[in-house]
């Protein structure tokens, strides 16, 4: 299980009010794939992990405003 990916997905859902569908659309994957990531059944491709990390960074910066 990739705890960092799980935390990133949870943070995006909580802080940015994103749904799994939103994350899936941004990452260009299916909603089921995001669900597998969140459940630890699969891990995103390294490029997708970077995309998720970038999204989380942007959300954190926007929270400052």
N, C-alpha and C. Protein backbone atom coordinates (compact mmCIF):
# COMPACT_ATOMS: atom_id res chain seq x y z
N UNK A 1 0.84 -1.18 0.00
CA UNK A 1 0.00 0.00 0.00
C UNK A 1 0.89 1.24 0.00
N UNK A 2 0.59 2.16 -0.87
CA UNK A 2 1.34 3.40 -0.96
C UNK A 2 0.62 4.46 -0.12
N UNK A 3 1.12 4.68 1.08
CA UNK A 3 0.48 5.60 2.02
C UNK A 3 0.50 7.03 1.49
N UNK A 4 1.56 7.41 0.80
CA UNK A 4 1.67 8.76 0.28
C UNK A 4 0.56 9.04 -0.74
N UNK A 5 0.28 8.08 -1.60
CA UNK A 5 -0.78 8.26 -2.60
C UNK A 5 -2.13 8.34 -1.92
N UNK A 6 -2.36 7.48 -0.94
CA UNK A 6 -3.62 7.51 -0.20
C UNK A 6 -3.81 8.85 0.49
N UNK A 7 -2.76 9.36 1.13
CA UNK A 7 -2.86 10.65 1.81
C UNK A 7 -3.11 11.78 0.81
N UNK A 8 -2.45 11.72 -0.31
CA UNK A 8 -2.64 12.75 -1.34
C UNK A 8 -4.08 12.75 -1.84
N UNK A 9 -4.62 11.58 -2.12
CA UNK A 9 -6.01 11.49 -2.59
C UNK A 9 -6.97 11.99 -1.52
N UNK A 10 -6.74 11.57 -0.28
CA UNK A 10 -7.60 12.03 0.82
C UNK A 10 -7.53 13.54 0.99
N UNK A 11 -6.32 14.10 0.89
CA UNK A 11 -6.16 15.55 1.01
C UNK A 11 -6.88 16.29 -0.11
N UNK A 12 -6.78 15.76 -1.32
CA UNK A 12 -7.45 16.41 -2.45
C UNK A 12 -8.97 16.37 -2.27
N UNK A 13 -9.46 15.26 -1.77
CA UNK A 13 -10.91 15.16 -1.55
C UNK A 13 -11.37 16.10 -0.44
N UNK A 14 -10.59 16.19 0.63
CA UNK A 14 -10.99 17.01 1.78
C UNK A 14 -10.75 18.50 1.54
N UNK A 15 -9.54 18.84 1.12
CA UNK A 15 -9.17 20.25 1.01
C UNK A 15 -9.74 20.93 -0.23
N UNK A 16 -9.74 20.21 -1.34
CA UNK A 16 -10.18 20.82 -2.59
C UNK A 16 -11.61 20.44 -2.95
N UNK A 17 -12.24 19.63 -2.11
CA UNK A 17 -13.61 19.17 -2.36
C UNK A 17 -13.72 18.46 -3.72
N UNK A 18 -12.65 17.75 -4.07
CA UNK A 18 -12.67 16.98 -5.31
C UNK A 18 -13.26 15.60 -5.03
N UNK A 19 -13.93 15.07 -6.02
CA UNK A 19 -14.46 13.71 -5.94
C UNK A 19 -13.52 12.80 -6.72
N UNK A 20 -13.69 11.50 -6.54
CA UNK A 20 -12.87 10.54 -7.28
C UNK A 20 -12.99 10.76 -8.78
N UNK A 21 -14.18 11.12 -9.23
CA UNK A 21 -14.40 11.39 -10.65
C UNK A 21 -13.55 12.57 -11.12
N UNK A 22 -13.47 13.61 -10.30
CA UNK A 22 -12.67 14.78 -10.66
C UNK A 22 -11.19 14.41 -10.76
N UNK A 23 -10.71 13.68 -9.78
CA UNK A 23 -9.31 13.25 -9.79
C UNK A 23 -9.04 12.37 -11.00
N UNK A 24 -9.97 11.47 -11.30
CA UNK A 24 -9.82 10.60 -12.46
C UNK A 24 -9.76 11.39 -13.76
N UNK A 25 -10.62 12.39 -13.89
CA UNK A 25 -10.62 13.20 -15.10
C UNK A 25 -9.31 13.98 -15.26
N UNK A 26 -8.80 14.53 -14.17
CA UNK A 26 -7.56 15.29 -14.24
C UNK A 26 -6.38 14.38 -14.56
N UNK A 27 -6.38 13.18 -13.97
CA UNK A 27 -5.28 12.24 -14.19
C UNK A 27 -5.45 11.40 -15.45
N UNK A 28 -6.57 11.57 -16.14
CA UNK A 28 -6.85 10.83 -17.38
C UNK A 28 -6.89 9.32 -17.14
N UNK A 29 -7.56 8.94 -16.05
CA UNK A 29 -7.76 7.52 -15.74
C UNK A 29 -9.23 7.32 -15.39
N UNK A 30 -9.62 6.09 -15.16
CA UNK A 30 -11.01 5.82 -14.80
C UNK A 30 -11.22 6.04 -13.31
N UNK A 31 -12.48 6.22 -12.94
CA UNK A 31 -12.83 6.38 -11.53
C UNK A 31 -12.46 5.12 -10.76
N UNK A 32 -12.60 3.96 -11.40
CA UNK A 32 -12.23 2.69 -10.77
C UNK A 32 -10.74 2.64 -10.46
N UNK A 33 -9.93 3.22 -11.31
CA UNK A 33 -8.49 3.25 -11.08
C UNK A 33 -8.17 4.07 -9.84
N UNK A 34 -8.81 5.22 -9.70
CA UNK A 34 -8.60 6.05 -8.51
C UNK A 34 -9.04 5.28 -7.27
N UNK A 35 -10.12 4.55 -7.37
CA UNK A 35 -10.58 3.73 -6.25
C UNK A 35 -9.55 2.67 -5.88
N UNK A 36 -8.94 2.04 -6.88
CA UNK A 36 -7.91 1.03 -6.61
C UNK A 36 -6.69 1.67 -5.93
N UNK A 37 -6.33 2.89 -6.36
CA UNK A 37 -5.23 3.60 -5.70
C UNK A 37 -5.56 3.86 -4.24
N UNK A 38 -6.77 4.34 -3.99
CA UNK A 38 -7.20 4.69 -2.64
C UNK A 38 -7.29 3.46 -1.74
N UNK A 39 -7.60 2.30 -2.33
CA UNK A 39 -7.71 1.07 -1.55
C UNK A 39 -6.38 0.33 -1.43
N UNK A 40 -5.34 0.82 -2.11
CA UNK A 40 -4.05 0.17 -2.06
C UNK A 40 -3.92 -1.03 -2.96
N UNK A 41 -4.91 -1.25 -3.81
CA UNK A 41 -4.87 -2.40 -4.71
C UNK A 41 -3.97 -2.16 -5.92
N UNK A 42 -3.67 -0.91 -6.20
CA UNK A 42 -2.81 -0.55 -7.33
C UNK A 42 -2.09 0.74 -6.99
N UNK A 43 -1.03 1.01 -7.71
CA UNK A 43 -0.29 2.26 -7.53
C UNK A 43 -0.25 3.01 -8.85
N UNK A 44 -0.35 4.32 -8.80
CA UNK A 44 -0.29 5.09 -10.04
C UNK A 44 1.11 5.07 -10.65
N UNK A 45 1.14 5.29 -11.94
CA UNK A 45 2.39 5.42 -12.67
C UNK A 45 3.17 6.58 -12.05
N UNK A 46 4.50 6.54 -12.05
CA UNK A 46 5.28 7.63 -11.45
C UNK A 46 4.92 9.03 -11.98
N UNK A 47 4.62 9.13 -13.27
CA UNK A 47 4.22 10.44 -13.82
C UNK A 47 2.88 10.88 -13.23
N UNK A 48 1.99 9.94 -13.01
CA UNK A 48 0.70 10.26 -12.41
C UNK A 48 0.87 10.63 -10.95
N UNK A 49 1.80 9.98 -10.26
CA UNK A 49 2.10 10.35 -8.88
C UNK A 49 2.58 11.79 -8.81
N UNK A 50 3.40 12.19 -9.76
CA UNK A 50 3.87 13.58 -9.80
C UNK A 50 2.71 14.53 -10.06
N UNK A 51 1.80 14.15 -10.94
CA UNK A 51 0.62 14.97 -11.21
C UNK A 51 -0.21 15.15 -9.95
N UNK A 52 -0.43 14.06 -9.21
CA UNK A 52 -1.20 14.13 -7.96
C UNK A 52 -0.48 15.03 -6.94
N UNK A 53 0.83 14.89 -6.86
CA UNK A 53 1.59 15.72 -5.93
C UNK A 53 1.51 17.19 -6.33
N UNK A 54 1.57 17.47 -7.62
CA UNK A 54 1.45 18.85 -8.10
C UNK A 54 0.07 19.42 -7.79
N UNK A 55 -0.96 18.60 -7.97
CA UNK A 55 -2.32 19.04 -7.65
C UNK A 55 -2.43 19.38 -6.17
N UNK A 56 -1.86 18.53 -5.34
CA UNK A 56 -1.90 18.76 -3.89
C UNK A 56 -1.17 20.04 -3.53
N UNK A 57 -0.03 20.29 -4.17
CA UNK A 57 0.73 21.51 -3.92
C UNK A 57 -0.09 22.75 -4.28
N UNK A 58 -0.73 22.71 -5.43
CA UNK A 58 -1.53 23.84 -5.87
C UNK A 58 -2.68 24.09 -4.88
N UNK A 59 -3.33 23.03 -4.45
CA UNK A 59 -4.42 23.16 -3.49
C UNK A 59 -3.92 23.77 -2.19
N UNK A 60 -2.76 23.31 -1.71
CA UNK A 60 -2.20 23.85 -0.47
C UNK A 60 -1.89 25.34 -0.62
N UNK A 61 -1.36 25.71 -1.76
CA UNK A 61 -1.04 27.14 -1.99
C UNK A 61 -2.32 27.97 -2.06
N UNK A 62 -3.34 27.44 -2.71
CA UNK A 62 -4.60 28.18 -2.81
C UNK A 62 -5.28 28.34 -1.46
N UNK A 63 -5.06 27.39 -0.57
CA UNK A 63 -5.65 27.48 0.77
C UNK A 63 -5.10 28.69 1.53
N UNK A 64 -3.91 29.14 1.16
CA UNK A 64 -3.32 30.31 1.82
C UNK A 64 -4.09 31.59 1.52
N UNK A 65 -4.85 31.57 0.44
CA UNK A 65 -5.61 32.75 0.06
C UNK A 65 -7.02 32.56 0.48
